[in-house]
Amino acid sequence: MEILLAKSAGFCFGVKRATQMAFDAVNHYSSLQSLGPLIHSPQMVKKLEDHGIRVCHQVEDADGDALIVRSHGVTATEMTALHASGKAVVDATCPFVTRAQKHAAELSRDAGLLVIVGEAHHPEVKGILSYATGDVQVVANVEQARKLPQCRKMGIIAQTTQSLDNFREIVGVCLEKTRDLKIYNTICDATSVRQEEAVAIARQVELMLVVGGYNSANTRRLAELCREQGTTTHHLETAAEIDPAWFAGIDRVGLTAGASTPQFLIDEIITRLRAL
């Protein structure tokens, strides 16, 4: 069975940076905690815990010497509380997320309505939203965008892992809602590359495997895009979830992974596939 592995599979720049900062910080602090899971990979979070980096969910619950800010960022209120806590702060927020937060603050001051394209419940979007003032709405798709009100001025940004096609379609709807639209494409370039490669591979294979946390928005989106190509697609976190029955009569299988998926999980999947 031939395996087509996406070159872009695995850690993106922001996640790689955050995990490296976390492991480096272990050598500088006697007790280190992350405010929320550092990245959206339960297996990697467990590995970090094995190295002494525990997860806490509120600043007031932290009892370590230092706190590390997760790659998805935190809310403005949480960041203020972090710096007021008296603990050392290691800010591992992805630079692309930080850029989106700054644009949210800027546009919400200047625009009549700020539109954030993304998943309202996602930690990154909650963080971006917290930096905005005035009228702001989060929309996930064109249908929700069509319900936006007409307004004199509008600004629009996106969750960094959004689909570029979805963003463009929503921008098109917003252009019908206002005569003054200011657009910042805050989607990480690596997201578009990863999605394009996943689609290209899905069109060449009979079965697609997408590896990554079930809580990872960008991994779920990869799986959706592969399914949209008409290719049978399985989203899984570990090699233990592979069912040999999936591969009956399959000659070519594609493999990609989300931006928070560590290399060791990808390697385990490949080893399992080669043993079938």
Protein backbone atom coordinates (compact mmCIF):
# COMPACT_ATOMS: atom_id res chain seq x y z
CA MET A 1 0.00 0.00 0.00
CA GLU A 2 1.39 3.40 -1.01
CA ILE A 3 1.35 6.19 1.58
CA LEU A 4 1.21 9.82 0.43
CA LEU A 5 2.42 11.97 3.32
CA ALA A 6 1.78 15.72 3.27
CA LYS A 7 5.00 17.73 3.53
CA SER A 8 3.19 20.27 5.69
CA ALA A 9 1.89 17.71 8.21
CA GLY A 10 2.58 18.47 11.85
CA PHE A 11 3.68 21.42 13.91
CA CYS A 12 3.25 24.89 12.48
CA PHE A 13 5.65 27.70 13.34
CA GLY A 14 3.57 28.98 16.27
CA VAL A 15 3.14 25.57 17.90
CA LYS A 16 6.79 24.63 17.40
CA ARG A 17 7.79 27.96 18.95
CA ALA A 18 5.45 27.51 21.94
CA THR A 19 6.62 23.98 22.75
CA GLN A 20 10.28 24.99 22.47
CA MET A 21 9.68 27.96 24.77
CA ALA A 22 7.98 25.64 27.26
CA PHE A 23 10.80 23.10 27.30
CA ASP A 24 13.37 25.91 27.58
CA ALA A 25 11.46 27.45 30.48
CA VAL A 26 11.64 24.19 32.44
CA ASN A 27 15.36 24.86 32.86
CA HIS A 28 14.76 28.33 34.32
CA TYR A 29 11.89 27.83 36.76
CA SER A 30 11.38 25.31 39.52
CA SER A 31 7.64 25.07 38.89
CA LEU A 32 6.00 25.95 35.57
CA GLN A 33 2.33 25.90 34.58
CA SER A 34 0.49 26.73 31.37
CA LEU A 35 -2.70 28.77 31.45
CA GLY A 36 -4.89 26.31 29.59
CA PRO A 37 -3.43 23.49 27.43
CA LEU A 38 -0.37 24.87 25.61
CA ILE A 39 -1.51 23.37 22.28
CA HIS A 40 -4.47 21.31 21.04
CA SER A 41 -2.86 17.89 21.33
CA PRO A 42 -3.73 15.84 24.44
CA GLN A 43 -0.74 13.59 23.80
CA MET A 44 1.68 16.52 23.63
CA VAL A 45 0.12 18.11 26.71
CA LYS A 46 0.75 14.81 28.53
CA LYS A 47 4.37 14.88 27.38
CA LEU A 48 4.72 18.42 28.71
CA GLU A 49 3.25 17.29 32.02
CA ASP A 50 5.84 14.52 32.15
CA HIS A 51 8.44 17.29 31.99
CA GLY A 52 6.82 19.14 34.88
CA ILE A 53 4.63 21.61 32.97
CA ARG A 54 1.20 21.40 34.58
CA VAL A 55 -2.03 22.93 33.23
CA CYS A 56 -4.08 25.40 35.23
CA HIS A 57 -7.24 27.03 33.95
CA GLN A 58 -7.38 30.24 35.98
CA VAL A 59 -4.64 32.61 37.06
CA GLU A 60 -5.81 32.53 40.67
CA ASP A 61 -5.40 28.73 40.74
CA ALA A 62 -1.73 28.88 39.72
CA ASP A 63 0.74 27.87 42.40
CA GLY A 64 3.95 27.68 40.37
CA ASP A 65 6.83 30.12 39.94
CA ALA A 66 5.95 30.90 36.34
CA LEU A 67 3.01 30.78 33.96
CA ILE A 68 3.25 30.18 30.23
CA VAL A 69 0.64 31.62 27.87
CA ARG A 70 -0.64 29.02 25.41
CA SER A 71 -0.08 29.33 21.66
CA HIS A 72 -3.73 30.31 21.07
CA GLY A 73 -3.32 33.27 23.41
CA VAL A 74 -5.52 34.36 26.31
CA THR A 75 -8.01 37.17 26.87
CA ALA A 76 -6.90 40.70 27.62
CA THR A 77 -8.29 40.34 31.15
CA GLU A 78 -6.32 37.15 31.72
CA MET A 79 -3.13 38.75 30.40
CA THR A 80 -3.57 41.67 32.80
CA ALA A 81 -4.14 39.25 35.69
CA LEU A 82 -1.06 37.27 34.70
CA HIS A 83 1.21 40.29 34.90
CA ALA A 84 -0.40 41.36 38.17
CA SER A 85 0.06 37.93 39.75
CA GLY A 86 3.70 38.49 40.66
CA LYS A 87 4.69 35.33 38.80
CA ALA A 88 7.06 35.17 35.86
CA VAL A 89 5.19 35.16 32.54
CA VAL A 90 6.38 33.26 29.48
CA ASP A 91 4.28 34.50 26.56
CA ALA A 92 4.14 31.73 23.96
CA THR A 93 1.22 33.28 22.07
CA CYS A 94 1.67 32.64 18.34
CA PRO A 95 2.84 35.90 16.68
CA PHE A 96 0.06 35.52 14.10
CA VAL A 97 -2.51 35.42 16.92
CA THR A 98 -0.92 38.49 18.53
CA ARG A 99 -1.21 40.28 15.19
CA ALA A 100 -4.92 39.40 15.00
CA GLN A 101 -5.43 40.72 18.54
CA LYS A 102 -3.81 44.04 17.61
CA HIS A 103 -5.90 44.36 14.46
CA ALA A 104 -9.05 43.64 16.50
CA ALA A 105 -8.20 46.50 18.85
CA GLU A 106 -7.41 48.85 15.95
CA LEU A 107 -10.43 48.04 13.79
CA SER A 108 -12.91 48.08 16.64
CA ARG A 109 -11.81 51.65 17.38
CA ASP A 110 -12.08 52.80 13.77
CA ALA A 111 -14.88 50.69 12.26
CA GLY A 112 -18.59 50.80 12.99
CA LEU A 113 -18.74 47.02 13.23
CA LEU A 114 -15.89 44.54 13.63
CA VAL A 115 -16.51 41.09 12.15
CA ILE A 116 -14.32 38.18 13.30
CA VAL A 117 -14.51 35.13 11.03
CA GLY A 118 -14.07 32.03 13.18
CA GLU A 119 -15.51 29.72 15.82
CA ALA A 120 -16.96 31.76 18.67
CA HIS A 121 -16.18 29.11 21.31
CA HIS A 122 -12.53 28.67 20.26
CA PRO A 123 -9.91 29.94 22.78
CA GLU A 124 -8.10 31.93 20.09
CA VAL A 125 -11.29 33.70 19.00
CA LYS A 126 -12.27 34.44 22.60
CA GLY A 127 -8.88 36.01 23.09
CA ILE A 128 -9.07 38.10 19.89
CA LEU A 129 -12.61 39.18 20.78
CA SER A 130 -11.47 40.42 24.19
CA TYR A 131 -9.17 43.01 22.60
CA ALA A 132 -12.04 44.55 20.64
CA THR A 133 -14.17 47.43 21.84
CA GLY A 134 -17.49 48.65 20.52
CA ASP A 135 -19.71 46.64 18.20
CA VAL A 136 -18.22 43.25 17.30
CA GLN A 137 -19.69 40.00 15.99
CA VAL A 138 -18.21 36.56 15.35
CA VAL A 139 -19.43 34.68 12.27
CA ALA A 140 -18.44 31.18 11.24
CA ASN A 141 -19.92 30.97 7.76
CA VAL A 142 -21.71 32.78 4.95
CA GLU A 143 -25.14 32.02 6.38
CA GLN A 144 -24.27 33.81 9.61
CA ALA A 145 -22.65 36.67 7.69
CA ARG A 146 -25.86 37.28 5.74
CA LYS A 147 -27.58 38.06 9.06
CA LEU A 148 -25.19 40.93 9.80
CA PRO A 149 -26.79 44.38 9.78
CA GLN A 150 -26.16 47.06 7.20
CA CYS A 151 -23.67 49.60 8.56
CA ARG A 152 -21.72 52.65 7.45
CA LYS A 153 -18.28 51.24 8.31
CA MET A 154 -17.08 47.68 8.87
CA GLY A 155 -13.81 45.90 9.60
CA ILE A 156 -13.10 42.21 9.19
CA ILE A 157 -10.40 39.81 10.44
CA ALA A 158 -10.16 36.04 10.81
CA GLN A 159 -9.17 33.30 13.18
CA THR A 160 -5.65 32.37 12.08
CA THR A 161 -6.62 28.81 11.09
CA GLN A 162 -9.68 29.75 9.04
CA SER A 163 -10.18 28.51 5.49
CA LEU A 164 -9.17 31.22 3.01
CA ASP A 165 -12.15 30.33 0.80
CA ASN A 166 -14.55 30.77 3.71
CA PHE A 167 -12.95 34.10 4.59
CA ARG A 168 -13.22 35.33 0.99
CA GLU A 169 -16.88 34.33 0.75
CA ILE A 170 -17.70 36.15 3.97
CA VAL A 171 -15.79 39.23 2.79
CA GLY A 172 -17.99 39.14 -0.32
CA VAL A 173 -21.12 39.20 1.83
CA CYS A 174 -19.74 42.02 3.98
CA LEU A 175 -19.07 44.10 0.87
CA GLU A 176 -22.85 44.09 0.34
CA LYS A 177 -23.41 45.30 3.91
CA THR A 178 -21.27 48.44 3.86
CA ARG A 179 -19.61 51.00 1.60
CA ASP A 180 -16.53 51.21 3.83
CA LEU A 181 -14.94 47.82 4.54
CA LYS A 182 -11.45 47.50 5.97
CA ILE A 183 -10.00 44.00 5.58
CA TYR A 184 -7.10 42.35 7.38
CA ASN A 185 -6.36 38.82 6.27
CA THR A 186 -5.05 37.43 9.55
CA ILE A 187 -5.03 33.80 8.37
CA CYS A 188 -1.63 32.18 8.86
CA ASP A 189 -0.02 31.35 5.51
CA ALA A 190 0.83 27.86 6.78
CA THR A 191 -2.88 27.16 7.20
CA SER A 192 -3.60 27.77 3.53
CA VAL A 193 -0.62 25.67 2.43
CA ARG A 194 -1.68 22.81 4.70
CA GLN A 195 -5.27 22.88 3.45
CA GLU A 196 -4.28 23.08 -0.23
CA GLU A 197 -1.92 20.14 0.14
CA ALA A 198 -4.53 18.06 1.98
CA VAL A 199 -7.05 18.65 -0.81
CA ALA A 200 -4.48 17.78 -3.49
CA ILE A 201 -3.58 14.51 -1.78
CA ALA A 202 -7.21 13.59 -1.07
CA ARG A 203 -7.91 13.78 -4.80
CA GLN A 204 -5.17 11.23 -5.49
CA VAL A 205 -5.99 8.56 -2.92
CA GLU A 206 -8.78 6.19 -1.97
CA LEU A 207 -8.55 6.83 1.76
CA MET A 208 -7.38 9.82 3.80
CA LEU A 209 -6.13 9.89 7.39
CA VAL A 210 -6.03 13.22 9.25
CA VAL A 211 -4.11 13.10 12.51
CA GLY A 212 -4.64 15.56 15.34
CA GLY A 213 -6.56 16.43 18.46
CA TYR A 214 -10.33 16.20 18.31
CA ASN A 215 -10.30 19.63 19.99
CA SER A 216 -8.19 21.10 17.17
CA ALA A 217 -10.19 23.38 14.85
CA ASN A 218 -7.61 23.32 12.07
CA THR A 219 -7.44 19.50 12.14
CA ARG A 220 -11.22 19.20 11.94
CA ARG A 221 -11.17 21.59 8.99
CA LEU A 222 -8.57 19.46 7.20
CA ALA A 223 -10.82 16.43 7.60
CA GLU A 224 -13.82 18.37 6.29
CA LEU A 225 -11.90 19.52 3.21
CA CYS A 226 -10.76 15.98 2.44
CA ARG A 227 -14.31 14.66 2.74
CA GLU A 228 -15.52 17.41 0.42
CA GLN A 229 -13.34 15.85 -2.28
CA GLY A 230 -15.44 12.67 -2.01
CA THR A 231 -12.61 10.76 -0.32
CA THR A 232 -13.31 8.51 2.65
CA THR A 233 -11.60 10.31 5.52
CA HIS A 234 -10.83 9.33 9.12
CA HIS A 235 -9.85 11.87 11.77
CA LEU A 236 -7.83 10.16 14.50
CA GLU A 237 -5.51 11.12 17.32
CA THR A 238 -3.33 8.03 17.70
CA ALA A 239 -2.21 4.89 15.86
CA ALA A 240 -4.25 2.79 18.30
CA GLU A 241 -7.44 4.05 16.62
CA ILE A 242 -6.56 2.57 13.23
CA ASP A 243 -8.92 -0.19 12.09
CA PRO A 244 -7.26 -2.59 9.61
CA ALA A 245 -10.68 -3.07 7.97
CA TRP A 246 -10.45 0.48 6.63
CA PHE A 247 -7.72 -0.60 4.22
CA ALA A 248 -9.33 -3.60 2.55
CA GLY A 249 -8.79 -3.15 -1.19
CA ILE A 250 -7.00 0.18 -0.68
CA ASP A 251 -3.86 0.79 -2.77
CA ARG A 252 -3.15 4.42 -1.92
CA VAL A 253 -3.73 6.19 1.38
CA GLY A 254 -3.09 9.85 2.14
CA LEU A 255 -1.84 11.19 5.45
CA THR A 256 -1.80 14.72 6.84
CA ALA A 257 -1.86 16.21 10.31
CA GLY A 258 -3.01 19.33 12.09
CA ALA A 259 -0.78 22.18 13.19
CA SER A 260 -0.65 20.92 16.79
CA THR A 261 0.19 17.31 15.94
CA PRO A 262 3.66 16.25 17.17
CA GLN A 263 5.96 14.30 14.88
CA PHE A 264 6.04 11.25 17.15
CA LEU A 265 2.30 10.70 16.58
CA ILE A 266 2.74 10.95 12.81
CA ASP A 267 5.64 8.49 12.95
CA GLU A 268 3.56 6.02 14.97
CA ILE A 269 0.77 6.21 12.38
CA ILE A 270 3.22 5.55 9.52
CA THR A 271 4.76 2.59 11.39
CA ARG A 272 1.30 1.14 11.99
CA LEU A 273 0.32 1.56 8.33
CA ARG A 274 3.47 -0.15 7.09
CA ALA A 275 2.76 -3.10 9.38
CA LEU A 276 -0.68 -3.74 7.89
